[in-house]
């Protein structure tokens, strides 16, 4: 699916996605990644939802985002509360949703000027 937004004001914009890639600013990426308005992390080494650990989410907590969107893949799943303890300790909410839904939600929140982080599992 291709996504279009008229203005991203020099922020990272998710411009397309499928089950095999995520496109940020019209560049395709084929692995799990972290997208923030001003930063793109391509070495988020999560192969699948079951691989997600406390350490992965502790790394995300260091960015002090307003909200974290966790794209868990094609099928909606929930995290065990212990897994996101580092985020909860900082008062950072995490929303689990399919990766496609996380891509769409990220663009909306980013365009509103929110300090959003999307951690997307392919």
PDB file of N, CA and C in Angstrom:
ATOM      1  N   UNK A   1       0.841  -1.171   0.000  1.00  0.00           N
ATOM      2  CA  UNK A   1       0.000   0.000   0.000  1.00  0.00           C
ATOM      3  C   UNK A   1       0.884   1.231   0.000  1.00  0.00           C
ATOM      4  N   UNK A   2       0.559   2.191  -0.817  1.00  0.00           N
ATOM      5  CA  UNK A   2       1.253   3.469  -0.852  1.00  0.00           C
ATOM      6  C   UNK A   2       0.500   4.469   0.012  1.00  0.00           C
ATOM      7  N   UNK A   3       1.239   5.263   0.753  1.00  0.00           N
ATOM      8  CA  UNK A   3       0.661   6.316   1.573  1.00  0.00           C
ATOM      9  C   UNK A   3       1.174   7.649   1.073  1.00  0.00           C
ATOM     10  N   UNK A   4       0.338   8.669   1.148  1.00  0.00           N
ATOM     11  CA  UNK A   4       0.755   9.999   0.710  1.00  0.00           C
ATOM     12  C   UNK A   4       0.305  11.039   1.720  1.00  0.00           C
ATOM     13  N   UNK A   5       1.180  11.961   1.998  1.00  0.00           N
ATOM     14  CA  UNK A   5       0.877  13.092   2.851  1.00  0.00           C
ATOM     15  C   UNK A   5       1.473  14.297   2.154  1.00  0.00           C
ATOM     16  N   UNK A   6       0.752  15.385   2.080  1.00  0.00           N
ATOM     17  CA  UNK A   6       1.226  16.518   1.300  1.00  0.00           C
ATOM     18  C   UNK A   6       2.469  17.166   1.879  1.00  0.00           C
ATOM     19  N   UNK A   7       2.617  17.138   3.192  1.00  0.00           N
ATOM     20  CA  UNK A   7       3.797  17.754   3.785  1.00  0.00           C
ATOM     21  C   UNK A   7       4.296  16.937   4.968  1.00  0.00           C
ATOM     22  N   UNK A   8       5.587  16.690   5.006  1.00  0.00           N
ATOM     23  CA  UNK A   8       6.192  16.013   6.147  1.00  0.00           C
ATOM     24  C   UNK A   8       7.154  16.946   6.862  1.00  0.00           C
ATOM     25  N   UNK A   9       7.362  18.146   6.304  1.00  0.00           N
ATOM     26  CA  UNK A   9       8.220  19.166   6.894  1.00  0.00           C
ATOM     27  C   UNK A   9       9.560  18.605   7.368  1.00  0.00           C
ATOM     28  N   UNK A  10      10.248  17.917   6.476  1.00  0.00           N
ATOM     29  CA  UNK A  10      11.579  17.346   6.717  1.00  0.00           C
ATOM     30  C   UNK A  10      11.607  16.268   7.796  1.00  0.00           C
ATOM     31  N   UNK A  11      10.467  15.683   8.108  1.00  0.00           N
ATOM     32  CA  UNK A  11      10.400  14.574   9.046  1.00  0.00           C
ATOM     33  C   UNK A  11      10.367  13.250   8.290  1.00  0.00           C
ATOM     34  N   UNK A  12      10.659  12.171   9.002  1.00  0.00           N
ATOM     35  CA  UNK A  12      10.545  10.848   8.398  1.00  0.00           C
ATOM     36  C   UNK A  12       9.077  10.511   8.215  1.00  0.00           C
ATOM     37  N   UNK A  13       8.716  10.136   7.022  1.00  0.00           N
ATOM     38  CA  UNK A  13       7.350   9.817   6.643  1.00  0.00           C
ATOM     39  C   UNK A  13       7.324   8.403   6.082  1.00  0.00           C
ATOM     40  N   UNK A  14       6.394   7.591   6.546  1.00  0.00           N
ATOM     41  CA  UNK A  14       6.244   6.250   5.982  1.00  0.00           C
ATOM     42  C   UNK A  14       5.419   6.404   4.707  1.00  0.00           C
ATOM     43  N   UNK A  15       6.048   6.141   3.563  1.00  0.00           N
ATOM     44  CA  UNK A  15       5.426   6.394   2.268  1.00  0.00           C
ATOM     45  C   UNK A  15       4.862   5.132   1.625  1.00  0.00           C
ATOM     46  N   UNK A  16       5.103   3.976   2.219  1.00  0.00           N
ATOM     47  CA  UNK A  16       4.542   2.737   1.704  1.00  0.00           C
ATOM     48  C   UNK A  16       4.911   1.576   2.602  1.00  0.00           C
ATOM     49  N   UNK A  17       4.159   0.490   2.470  1.00  0.00           N
ATOM     50  CA  UNK A  17       4.465  -0.704   3.253  1.00  0.00           C
ATOM     51  C   UNK A  17       3.775  -1.917   2.641  1.00  0.00           C
ATOM     52  N   UNK A  18       4.302  -3.082   2.956  1.00  0.00           N
ATOM     53  CA  UNK A  18       3.682  -4.365   2.621  1.00  0.00           C
ATOM     54  C   UNK A  18       4.176  -5.362   3.660  1.00  0.00           C
ATOM     55  N   UNK A  19       3.864  -6.626   3.490  1.00  0.00           N
ATOM     56  CA  UNK A  19       4.347  -7.621   4.441  1.00  0.00           C
ATOM     57  C   UNK A  19       5.851  -7.854   4.315  1.00  0.00           C
ATOM     58  N   UNK A  20       6.476  -7.327   3.252  1.00  0.00           N
ATOM     59  CA  UNK A  20       7.905  -7.573   3.042  1.00  0.00           C
ATOM     60  C   UNK A  20       8.788  -6.325   3.084  1.00  0.00           C
ATOM     61  N   UNK A  21       8.201  -5.141   3.202  1.00  0.00           N
ATOM     62  CA  UNK A  21       9.018  -3.928   3.265  1.00  0.00           C
ATOM     63  C   UNK A  21       8.264  -2.799   3.948  1.00  0.00           C
ATOM     64  N   UNK A  22       9.041  -1.825   4.397  1.00  0.00           N
ATOM     65  CA  UNK A  22       8.506  -0.549   4.871  1.00  0.00           C
ATOM     66  C   UNK A  22       9.293   0.518   4.132  1.00  0.00           C
ATOM     67  N   UNK A  23       8.593   1.462   3.561  1.00  0.00           N
ATOM     68  CA  UNK A  23       9.217   2.531   2.789  1.00  0.00           C
ATOM     69  C   UNK A  23       9.154   3.815   3.609  1.00  0.00           C
ATOM     70  N   UNK A  24      10.322   4.396   3.877  1.00  0.00           N
ATOM     71  CA  UNK A  24      10.410   5.650   4.623  1.00  0.00           C
ATOM     72  C   UNK A  24      11.039   6.679   3.698  1.00  0.00           C
ATOM     73  N   UNK A  25      10.342   7.784   3.498  1.00  0.00           N
ATOM     74  CA  UNK A  25      10.812   8.840   2.586  1.00  0.00           C
ATOM     75  C   UNK A  25      11.193   8.261   1.225  1.00  0.00           C
ATOM     76  N   UNK A  26      10.362   7.337   0.744  1.00  0.00           N
ATOM     77  CA  UNK A  26      10.491   6.698  -0.571  1.00  0.00           C
ATOM     78  C   UNK A  26      11.705   5.785  -0.695  1.00  0.00           C
ATOM     79  N   UNK A  27      12.281   5.345   0.439  1.00  0.00           N
ATOM     80  CA  UNK A  27      13.376   4.360   0.428  1.00  0.00           C
ATOM     81  C   UNK A  27      12.875   3.098   1.111  1.00  0.00           C
ATOM     82  N   UNK A  28      12.995   1.967   0.407  1.00  0.00           N
ATOM     83  CA  UNK A  28      12.493   0.693   0.940  1.00  0.00           C
ATOM     84  C   UNK A  28      13.484   0.055   1.901  1.00  0.00           C
ATOM     85  N   UNK A  29      12.922  -0.518   2.963  1.00  0.00           N
ATOM     86  CA  UNK A  29      13.701  -1.240   3.966  1.00  0.00           C
ATOM     87  C   UNK A  29      13.020  -2.582   4.182  1.00  0.00           C
ATOM     88  N   UNK A  30      13.819  -3.638   4.261  1.00  0.00           N
ATOM     89  CA  UNK A  30      13.249  -4.979   4.326  1.00  0.00           C
ATOM     90  C   UNK A  30      13.455  -5.665   5.672  1.00  0.00           C
ATOM     91  N   UNK A  31      13.854  -4.931   6.669  1.00  0.00           N
ATOM     92  CA  UNK A  31      14.012  -5.485   8.006  1.00  0.00           C
ATOM     93  C   UNK A  31      13.277  -4.639   9.024  1.00  0.00           C
ATOM     94  N   UNK A  32      13.150  -5.173  10.224  1.00  0.00           N
ATOM     95  CA  UNK A  32      12.503  -4.429  11.304  1.00  0.00           C
ATOM     96  C   UNK A  32      13.281  -3.136  11.565  1.00  0.00           C
ATOM     97  N   UNK A  33      12.569  -2.080  11.908  1.00  0.00           N
ATOM     98  CA  UNK A  33      13.208  -0.778  12.094  1.00  0.00           C
ATOM     99  C   UNK A  33      12.435   0.077  13.080  1.00  0.00           C
ATOM    100  N   UNK A  34      13.061   1.167  13.467  1.00  0.00           N
ATOM    101  CA  UNK A  34      12.453   2.157  14.357  1.00  0.00           C
ATOM    102  C   UNK A  34      12.406   3.480  13.596  1.00  0.00           C
ATOM    103  N   UNK A  35      11.219   4.086  13.583  1.00  0.00           N
ATOM    104  CA  UNK A  35      11.028   5.354  12.882  1.00  0.00           C
ATOM    105  C   UNK A  35      10.574   6.409  13.881  1.00  0.00           C
ATOM    106  N   UNK A  36      11.262   7.530  13.865  1.00  0.00           N
ATOM    107  CA  UNK A  36      10.875   8.705  14.634  1.00  0.00           C
ATOM    108  C   UNK A  36      10.898   9.885  13.675  1.00  0.00           C
ATOM    109  N   UNK A  37      10.237  10.985  14.011  1.00  0.00           N
ATOM    110  CA  UNK A  37      10.214  12.110  13.075  1.00  0.00           C
ATOM    111  C   UNK A  37      11.599  12.545  12.594  1.00  0.00           C
ATOM    112  N   UNK A  38      12.589  12.572  13.469  1.00  0.00           N
ATOM    113  CA  UNK A  38      13.919  13.059  13.091  1.00  0.00           C
ATOM    114  C   UNK A  38      15.000  11.976  13.060  1.00  0.00           C
ATOM    115  N   UNK A  39      14.624  10.735  13.285  1.00  0.00           N
ATOM    116  CA  UNK A  39      15.634   9.673  13.346  1.00  0.00           C
ATOM    117  C   UNK A  39      15.063   8.379  12.791  1.00  0.00           C
ATOM    118  N   UNK A  40      15.940   7.612  12.131  1.00  0.00           N
ATOM    119  CA  UNK A  40      15.578   6.323  11.562  1.00  0.00           C
ATOM    120  C   UNK A  40      16.647   5.317  11.979  1.00  0.00           C
ATOM    121  N   UNK A  41      16.228   4.256  12.647  1.00  0.00           N
ATOM    122  CA  UNK A  41      17.174   3.244  13.131  1.00  0.00           C
ATOM    123  C   UNK A  41      16.915   1.958  12.367  1.00  0.00           C
ATOM    124  N   UNK A  42      17.869   1.567  11.559  1.00  0.00           N
ATOM    125  CA  UNK A  42      17.703   0.413  10.684  1.00  0.00           C
ATOM    126  C   UNK A  42      18.256  -0.874  11.284  1.00  0.00           C
ATOM    127  N   UNK A  43      18.945  -0.789  12.401  1.00  0.00           N
ATOM    128  CA  UNK A  43      19.560  -1.988  12.979  1.00  0.00           C
ATOM    129  C   UNK A  43      18.807  -2.503  14.203  1.00  0.00           C
ATOM    130  N   UNK A  44      17.482  -2.343  14.214  1.00  0.00           N
ATOM    131  CA  UNK A  44      16.671  -2.899  15.298  1.00  0.00           C
ATOM    132  C   UNK A  44      16.506  -4.380  14.998  1.00  0.00           C
ATOM    133  N   UNK A  45      17.261  -5.193  15.667  1.00  0.00           N
ATOM    134  CA  UNK A  45      17.425  -6.600  15.311  1.00  0.00           C
ATOM    135  C   UNK A  45      16.338  -7.481  15.925  1.00  0.00           C
ATOM    136  N   UNK A  46      15.098  -7.294  15.481  1.00  0.00           N
ATOM    137  CA  UNK A  46      13.975  -8.122  15.922  1.00  0.00           C
ATOM    138  C   UNK A  46      13.429  -8.839  14.692  1.00  0.00           C
ATOM    139  N   UNK A  47      13.520 -10.151  14.677  1.00  0.00           N
ATOM    140  CA  UNK A  47      13.084 -10.934  13.513  1.00  0.00           C
ATOM    141  C   UNK A  47      11.589 -11.227  13.522  1.00  0.00           C
ATOM    142  N   UNK A  48      11.010 -11.361  14.722  1.00  0.00           N
ATOM    143  CA  UNK A  48       9.586 -11.667  14.828  1.00  0.00           C
ATOM    144  C   UNK A  48       9.095 -11.272  16.219  1.00  0.00           C
ATOM    145  N   UNK A  49       7.781 -11.262  16.402  1.00  0.00           N
ATOM    146  CA  UNK A  49       7.214 -10.881  17.687  1.00  0.00           C
ATOM    147  C   UNK A  49       7.733 -11.733  18.842  1.00  0.00           C
ATOM    148  N   UNK A  50       7.823 -13.060  18.703  1.00  0.00           N
ATOM    149  CA  UNK A  50       8.346 -13.866  19.821  1.00  0.00           C
ATOM    150  C   UNK A  50       9.799 -13.542  20.198  1.00  0.00           C
ATOM    151  N   UNK A  51      10.566 -12.954  19.274  1.00  0.00           N
ATOM    152  CA  UNK A  51      11.954 -12.569  19.561  1.00  0.00           C
ATOM    153  C   UNK A  51      12.063 -11.300  20.398  1.00  0.00           C
ATOM    154  N   UNK A  52      10.981 -10.537  20.502  1.00  0.00           N
ATOM    155  CA  UNK A  52      11.000  -9.261  21.213  1.00  0.00           C
ATOM    156  C   UNK A  52      11.286  -9.482  22.696  1.00  0.00           C
ATOM    157  N   UNK A  53      12.252  -8.735  23.219  1.00  0.00           N
ATOM    158  CA  UNK A  53      12.667  -8.924  24.610  1.00  0.00           C
ATOM    159  C   UNK A  53      12.608  -7.605  25.375  1.00  0.00           C
ATOM    160  N   UNK A  54      12.804  -7.710  26.678  1.00  0.00           N
ATOM    161  CA  UNK A  54      12.874  -6.524  27.527  1.00  0.00           C
ATOM    162  C   UNK A  54      13.993  -5.598  27.057  1.00  0.00           C
ATOM    163  N   UNK A  55      15.110  -6.169  26.602  1.00  0.00           N
ATOM    164  CA  UNK A  55      16.245  -5.359  26.148  1.00  0.00           C
ATOM    165  C   UNK A  55      15.876  -4.520  24.923  1.00  0.00           C
ATOM    166  N   UNK A  56      15.091  -5.085  23.999  1.00  0.00           N
ATOM    167  CA  UNK A  56      14.676  -4.318  22.822  1.00  0.00           C
ATOM    168  C   UNK A  56      13.856  -3.099  23.230  1.00  0.00           C
ATOM    169  N   UNK A  57      12.956  -3.290  24.179  1.00  0.00           N
ATOM    170  CA  UNK A  57      12.099  -2.179  24.596  1.00  0.00           C
ATOM    171  C   UNK A  57      12.811  -1.231  25.545  1.00  0.00           C
ATOM    172  N   UNK A  58      13.816  -1.707  26.267  1.00  0.00           N
ATOM    173  CA  UNK A  58      14.636  -0.807  27.088  1.00  0.00           C
ATOM    174  C   UNK A  58      15.384   0.175  26.202  1.00  0.00           C
ATOM    175  N   UNK A  59      15.864  -0.300  25.055  1.00  0.00           N
ATOM    176  CA  UNK A  59      16.545   0.580  24.098  1.00  0.00           C
ATOM    177  C   UNK A  59      15.580   1.661  23.608  1.00  0.00           C
ATOM    178  N   UNK A  60      14.346   1.273  23.342  1.00  0.00           N
ATOM    179  CA  UNK A  60      13.338   2.225  22.878  1.00  0.00           C
ATOM    180  C   UNK A  60      13.030   3.262  23.951  1.00  0.00           C
ATOM    181  N   UNK A  61      13.016   2.853  25.210  1.00  0.00           N
ATOM    182  CA  UNK A  61      12.712   3.775  26.324  1.00  0.00           C
ATOM    183  C   UNK A  61      13.726   4.911  26.402  1.00  0.00           C
ATOM    184  N   UNK A  62      14.948   4.681  25.944  1.00  0.00           N
ATOM    185  CA  UNK A  62      15.998   5.706  25.994  1.00  0.00           C
ATOM    186  C   UNK A  62      15.664   6.924  25.130  1.00  0.00           C
ATOM    187  N   UNK A  63      14.772   6.782  24.151  1.00  0.00           N
ATOM    188  CA  UNK A  63      14.449   7.891  23.256  1.00  0.00           C
ATOM    189  C   UNK A  63      13.439   8.864  23.852  1.00  0.00           C
ATOM    190  N   UNK A  64      12.816   8.511  24.990  1.00  0.00           N
ATOM    191  CA  UNK A  64      11.866   9.393  25.671  1.00  0.00           C
ATOM    192  C   UNK A  64      10.783   9.946  24.752  1.00  0.00           C
ATOM    193  N   UNK A  65      10.191   9.074  23.961  1.00  0.00           N
ATOM    194  CA  UNK A  65       9.098   9.478  23.080  1.00  0.00           C
ATOM    195  C   UNK A  65       7.822   9.706  23.873  1.00  0.00           C
ATOM    196  N   UNK A  66       6.925  10.443  23.286  1.00  0.00           N
ATOM    197  CA  UNK A  66       5.624  10.698  23.897  1.00  0.00           C
ATOM    198  C   UNK A  66       4.761   9.436  23.896  1.00  0.00           C
ATOM    199  N   UNK A  67       4.880   8.651  22.838  1.00  0.00           N
ATOM    200  CA  UNK A  67       4.130   7.402  22.695  1.00  0.00           C
ATOM    201  C   UNK A  67       4.928   6.464  21.790  1.00  0.00           C
ATOM    202  N   UNK A  68       4.823   5.167  22.052  1.00  0.00           N
ATOM    203  CA  UNK A  68       5.470   4.150  21.229  1.00  0.00           C
ATOM    204  C   UNK A  68       4.396   3.320  20.551  1.00  0.00           C
ATOM    205  N   UNK A  69       4.510   3.200  19.243  1.00  0.00           N
ATOM    206  CA  UNK A  69       3.641   2.327  18.467  1.00  0.00           C
ATOM    207  C   UNK A  69       4.448   1.088  18.118  1.00  0.00           C
ATOM    208  N   UNK A  70       3.990  -0.062  18.545  1.00  0.00           N
ATOM    209  CA  UNK A  70       4.686  -1.303  18.251  1.00  0.00           C
ATOM    210  C   UNK A  70       3.933  -2.055  17.177  1.00  0.00           C
ATOM    211  N   UNK A  71       4.519  -2.116  15.988  1.00  0.00           N
ATOM    212  CA  UNK A  71       3.955  -2.897  14.892  1.00  0.00           C
ATOM    213  C   UNK A  71       4.419  -4.333  15.044  1.00  0.00           C
ATOM    214  N   UNK A  72       3.499  -5.230  15.388  1.00  0.00           N
ATOM    215  CA  UNK A  72       3.862  -6.597  15.779  1.00  0.00           C
ATOM    216  C   UNK A  72       3.855  -7.596  14.631  1.00  0.00           C
ATOM    217  N   UNK A  73       3.662  -7.149  13.410  1.00  0.00           N
ATOM    218  CA  UNK A  73       3.591  -8.047  12.260  1.00  0.00           C
ATOM    219  C   UNK A  73       2.191  -8.030  11.662  1.00  0.00           C
ATOM    220  N   UNK A  74       1.826  -9.107  10.999  1.00  0.00           N
ATOM    221  CA  UNK A  74       0.540  -9.163  10.304  1.00  0.00           C
ATOM    222  C   UNK A  74      -0.636  -9.474  11.224  1.00  0.00           C
ATOM    223  N   UNK A  75      -0.374 -10.130  12.341  1.00  0.00           N
ATOM    224  CA  UNK A  75      -1.432 -10.546  13.258  1.00  0.00           C
ATOM    225  C   UNK A  75      -1.286  -9.795  14.580  1.00  0.00           C
ATOM    226  N   UNK A  76      -2.386  -9.212  15.057  1.00  0.00           N
ATOM    227  CA  UNK A  76      -2.353  -8.439  16.301  1.00  0.00           C
ATOM    228  C   UNK A  76      -2.017  -9.343  17.484  1.00  0.00           C
ATOM    229  N   UNK A  77      -1.091  -8.881  18.327  1.00  0.00           N
ATOM    230  CA  UNK A  77      -0.669  -9.613  19.519  1.00  0.00           C
ATOM    231  C   UNK A  77      -0.394  -8.608  20.631  1.00  0.00           C
ATOM    232  N   UNK A  78      -0.404  -9.095  21.871  1.00  0.00           N
ATOM    233  CA  UNK A  78      -0.140  -8.235  23.013  1.00  0.00           C
ATOM    234  C   UNK A  78       1.136  -8.662  23.717  1.00  0.00           C
ATOM    235  N   UNK A  79       1.800  -7.693  24.327  1.00  0.00           N
ATOM    236  CA  UNK A  79       3.010  -7.953  25.104  1.00  0.00           C
ATOM    237  C   UNK A  79       2.672  -8.322  26.538  1.00  0.00           C
ATOM    238  N   UNK A  80       3.518  -9.097  27.136  1.00  0.00           N
ATOM    239  CA  UNK A  80       3.428  -9.339  28.570  1.00  0.00           C
ATOM    240  C   UNK A  80       3.920  -8.053  29.249  1.00  0.00           C
ATOM    241  N   UNK A  81       3.259  -7.583  30.312  1.00  0.00           N
ATOM    242  CA  UNK A  81       3.661  -6.331  30.969  1.00  0.00           C
ATOM    243  C   UNK A  81       5.132  -6.288  31.385  1.00  0.00           C
ATOM    244  N   UNK A  82       5.714  -7.416  31.731  1.00  0.00           N
ATOM    245  CA  UNK A  82       7.126  -7.440  32.117  1.00  0.00           C
ATOM    246  C   UNK A  82       8.032  -6.984  30.969  1.00  0.00           C
ATOM    247  N   UNK A  83       7.609  -7.269  29.746  1.00  0.00           N
ATOM    248  CA  UNK A  83       8.426  -6.931  28.577  1.00  0.00           C
ATOM    249  C   UNK A  83       8.586  -5.429  28.406  1.00  0.00           C
ATOM    250  N   UNK A  84       7.550  -4.661  28.709  1.00  0.00           N
ATOM    251  CA  UNK A  84       7.629  -3.202  28.512  1.00  0.00           C
ATOM    252  C   UNK A  84       7.791  -2.426  29.816  1.00  0.00           C
ATOM    253  N   UNK A  85       8.357  -3.064  30.799  1.00  0.00           N
ATOM    254  CA  UNK A  85       8.562  -2.454  32.115  1.00  0.00           C
ATOM    255  C   UNK A  85       9.379  -1.158  32.042  1.00  0.00           C
ATOM    256  N   UNK A  86      10.408  -1.117  31.202  1.00  0.00           N
ATOM    257  CA  UNK A  86      11.257   0.082  31.094  1.00  0.00           C
ATOM    258  C   UNK A  86      10.454   1.278  30.580  1.00  0.00           C
ATOM    259  N   UNK A  87       9.532   1.035  29.653  1.00  0.00           N
ATOM    260  CA  UNK A  87       8.689   2.116  29.151  1.00  0.00           C
ATOM    261  C   UNK A  87       7.705   2.570  30.225  1.00  0.00           C
ATOM    262  N   UNK A  88       7.089   1.625  30.901  1.00  0.00           N
ATOM    263  CA  UNK A  88       6.118   1.961  31.945  1.00  0.00           C
ATOM    264  C   UNK A  88       6.768   2.760  33.066  1.00  0.00           C
ATOM    265  N   UNK A  89       7.990   2.415  33.414  1.00  0.00           N
ATOM    266  CA  UNK A  89       8.699   3.122  34.483  1.00  0.00           C
ATOM    267  C   UNK A  89       8.917   4.591  34.140  1.00  0.00           C
ATOM    268  N   UNK A  90       9.026   4.912  32.853  1.00  0.00           N
ATOM    269  CA  UNK A  90       9.209   6.293  32.406  1.00  0.00           C
ATOM    270  C   UNK A  90       7.884   6.964  32.055  1.00  0.00           C
ATOM    271  N   UNK A  91       6.786   6.240  32.199  1.00  0.00           N
ATOM    272  CA  UNK A  91       5.484   6.811  31.870  1.00  0.00           C
ATOM    273  C   UNK A  91       5.234   6.935  30.383  1.00  0.00           C
ATOM    274  N   UNK A  92       5.906   6.106  29.581  1.00  0.00           N
ATOM    275  CA  UNK A  92       5.743   6.146  28.125  1.00  0.00           C
ATOM    276  C   UNK A  92       4.748   5.060  27.720  1.00  0.00           C
ATOM    277  N   UNK A  93       3.601   5.449  27.169  1.00  0.00           N
ATOM    278  CA  UNK A  93       2.633   4.436  26.751  1.00  0.00           C
ATOM    279  C   UNK A  93       3.094   3.703  25.496  1.00  0.00           C
ATOM    280  N   UNK A  94       2.734   2.427  25.408  1.00  0.00           N
ATOM    281  CA  UNK A  94       3.031   1.625  24.234  1.00  0.00           C
ATOM    282  C   UNK A  94       1.723   1.049  23.714  1.00  0.00           C
ATOM    283  N   UNK A  95       1.523   1.165  22.431  1.00  0.00           N
ATOM    284  CA  UNK A  95       0.325   0.646  21.776  1.00  0.00           C
ATOM    285  C   UNK A  95       0.748  -0.452  20.813  1.00  0.00           C
ATOM    286  N   UNK A  96       0.224  -1.655  21.015  1.00  0.00           N
ATOM    287  CA  UNK A  96       0.499  -2.782  20.120  1.00  0.00           C
ATOM    288  C   UNK A  96      -0.573  -2.831  19.047  1.00  0.00           C
ATOM    289  N   UNK A  97      -0.136  -2.999  17.805  1.00  0.00           N
ATOM    290  CA  UNK A  97      -1.066  -3.097  16.675  1.00  0.00           C
ATOM    291  C   UNK A  97      -0.347  -3.785  15.527  1.00  0.00           C
ATOM    292  N   UNK A  98      -1.062  -4.128  14.490  1.00  0.00           N
ATOM    293  CA  UNK A  98      -0.391  -4.714  13.333  1.00  0.00           C
ATOM    294  C   UNK A  98       0.602  -3.690  12.788  1.00  0.00           C
ATOM    295  N   UNK A  99       1.584  -4.172  12.064  1.00  0.00           N
ATOM    296  CA  UNK A  99       2.579  -3.259  11.495  1.00  0.00           C
ATOM    297  C   UNK A  99       1.929  -2.278  10.526  1.00  0.00           C
ATOM    298  N   UNK A 100       0.973  -2.733   9.744  1.00  0.00           N
ATOM    299  CA  UNK A 100       0.280  -1.835   8.813  1.00  0.00           C
ATOM    300  C   UNK A 100      -0.436  -0.718   9.564  1.00  0.00           C
ATOM    301  N   UNK A 101      -1.130  -1.062  10.640  1.00  0.00           N
ATOM    302  CA  UNK A 101      -1.838  -0.047  11.441  1.00  0.00           C
ATOM    303  C   UNK A 101      -0.844   0.904  12.100  1.00  0.00           C
ATOM    304  N   UNK A 102       0.292   0.388  12.552  1.00  0.00           N
ATOM    305  CA  UNK A 102       1.308   1.239  13.174  1.00  0.00           C
ATOM    306  C   UNK A 102       1.882   2.234  12.162  1.00  0.00           C
ATOM    307  N   UNK A 103       2.066   1.808  10.929  1.00  0.00           N
ATOM    308  CA  UNK A 103       2.561   2.719   9.879  1.00  0.00           C
ATOM    309  C   UNK A 103       1.589   3.871   9.664  1.00  0.00           C
ATOM    310  N   UNK A 104       0.313   3.545   9.539  1.00  0.00           N
ATOM    311  CA  UNK A 104      -0.704   4.587   9.318  1.00  0.00           C
ATOM    312  C   UNK A 104      -0.810   5.524  10.519  1.00  0.00           C
ATOM    313  N   UNK A 105      -0.819   4.950  11.717  1.00  0.00           N
ATOM    314  CA  UNK A 105      -0.957   5.752  12.933  1.00  0.00           C
ATOM    315  C   UNK A 105       0.253   6.655  13.137  1.00  0.00           C
ATOM    316  N   UNK A 106       1.444   6.130  12.848  1.00  0.00           N
ATOM    317  CA  UNK A 106       2.658   6.941  12.958  1.00  0.00           C
ATOM    318  C   UNK A 106       2.529   8.209  12.102  1.00  0.00           C
ATOM    319  N   UNK A 107       2.132   8.055  10.850  1.00  0.00           N
ATOM    320  CA  UNK A 107       2.030   9.216   9.958  1.00  0.00           C
ATOM    321  C   UNK A 107       1.050  10.258  10.489  1.00  0.00           C
ATOM    322  N   UNK A 108      -0.057   9.814  11.038  1.00  0.00           N
ATOM    323  CA  UNK A 108      -1.050  10.750  11.572  1.00  0.00           C
ATOM    324  C   UNK A 108      -0.469  11.510  12.764  1.00  0.00           C
ATOM    325  N   UNK A 109       0.101  10.769  13.718  1.00  0.00           N
ATOM    326  CA  UNK A 109       0.644  11.429  14.916  1.00  0.00           C
ATOM    327  C   UNK A 109       1.835  12.319  14.580  1.00  0.00           C
ATOM    328  N   UNK A 110       2.704  11.851  13.683  1.00  0.00           N
ATOM    329  CA  UNK A 110       3.858  12.658  13.281  1.00  0.00           C
ATOM    330  C   UNK A 110       3.398  13.953  12.615  1.00  0.00           C
ATOM    331  N   UNK A 111       2.372  13.875  11.759  1.00  0.00           N
ATOM    332  CA  UNK A 111       1.889  15.077  11.066  1.00  0.00           C
ATOM    333  C   UNK A 111       1.233  16.061  12.024  1.00  0.00           C
ATOM    334  N   UNK A 112       0.802  15.578  13.200  1.00  0.00           N
ATOM    335  CA  UNK A 112       0.252  16.453  14.234  1.00  0.00           C
ATOM    336  C   UNK A 112       1.348  17.076  15.099  1.00  0.00           C
ATOM    337  N   UNK A 113       2.602  16.732  14.809  1.00  0.00           N
ATOM    338  CA  UNK A 113       3.714  17.289  15.568  1.00  0.00           C
ATOM    339  C   UNK A 113       4.023  16.541  16.848  1.00  0.00           C
ATOM    340  N   UNK A 114       3.509  15.330  16.994  1.00  0.00           N
ATOM    341  CA  UNK A 114       3.726  14.547  18.206  1.00  0.00           C
ATOM    342  C   UNK A 114       5.101  13.882  18.175  1.00  0.00           C
ATOM    343  N   UNK A 115       5.660  13.674  19.336  1.00  0.00           N
ATOM    344  CA  UNK A 115       6.951  12.992  19.499  1.00  0.00           C
ATOM    345  C   UNK A 115       6.670  11.481  19.564  1.00  0.00           C
ATOM    346  N   UNK A 116       6.464  10.880  18.407  1.00  0.00           N
ATOM    347  CA  UNK A 116       6.043   9.486  18.294  1.00  0.00           C
ATOM    348  C   UNK A 116       7.211   8.624  17.821  1.00  0.00           C
ATOM    349  N   UNK A 117       7.219   7.393  18.270  1.00  0.00           N
ATOM    350  CA  UNK A 117       8.214   6.410  17.847  1.00  0.00           C
ATOM    351  C   UNK A 117       7.453   5.182  17.384  1.00  0.00           C
ATOM    352  N   UNK A 118       7.762   4.706  16.169  1.00  0.00           N
ATOM    353  CA  UNK A 118       7.164   3.477  15.662  1.00  0.00           C
ATOM    354  C   UNK A 118       8.260   2.413  15.575  1.00  0.00           C
ATOM    355  N   UNK A 119       8.091   1.351  16.333  1.00  0.00           N
ATOM    356  CA  UNK A 119       8.992   0.199  16.276  1.00  0.00           C
ATOM    357  C   UNK A 119       8.253  -0.859  15.457  1.00  0.00           C
ATOM    358  N   UNK A 120       8.764  -1.145  14.275  1.00  0.00           N
ATOM    359  CA  UNK A 120       8.022  -1.926  13.298  1.00  0.00           C
ATOM    360  C   UNK A 120       8.706  -3.257  12.997  1.00  0.00           C
ATOM    361  N   UNK A 121       7.993  -4.350  13.259  1.00  0.00           N
ATOM    362  CA  UNK A 121       8.504  -5.690  13.009  1.00  0.00           C
ATOM    363  C   UNK A 121       7.981  -6.155  11.654  1.00  0.00           C
ATOM    364  N   UNK A 122       8.905  -6.590  10.802  1.00  0.00           N
ATOM    365  CA  UNK A 122       8.509  -7.180   9.513  1.00  0.00           C
ATOM    366  C   UNK A 122       8.586  -8.681   9.594  1.00  0.00           C
TER     367      UNK A 122
END
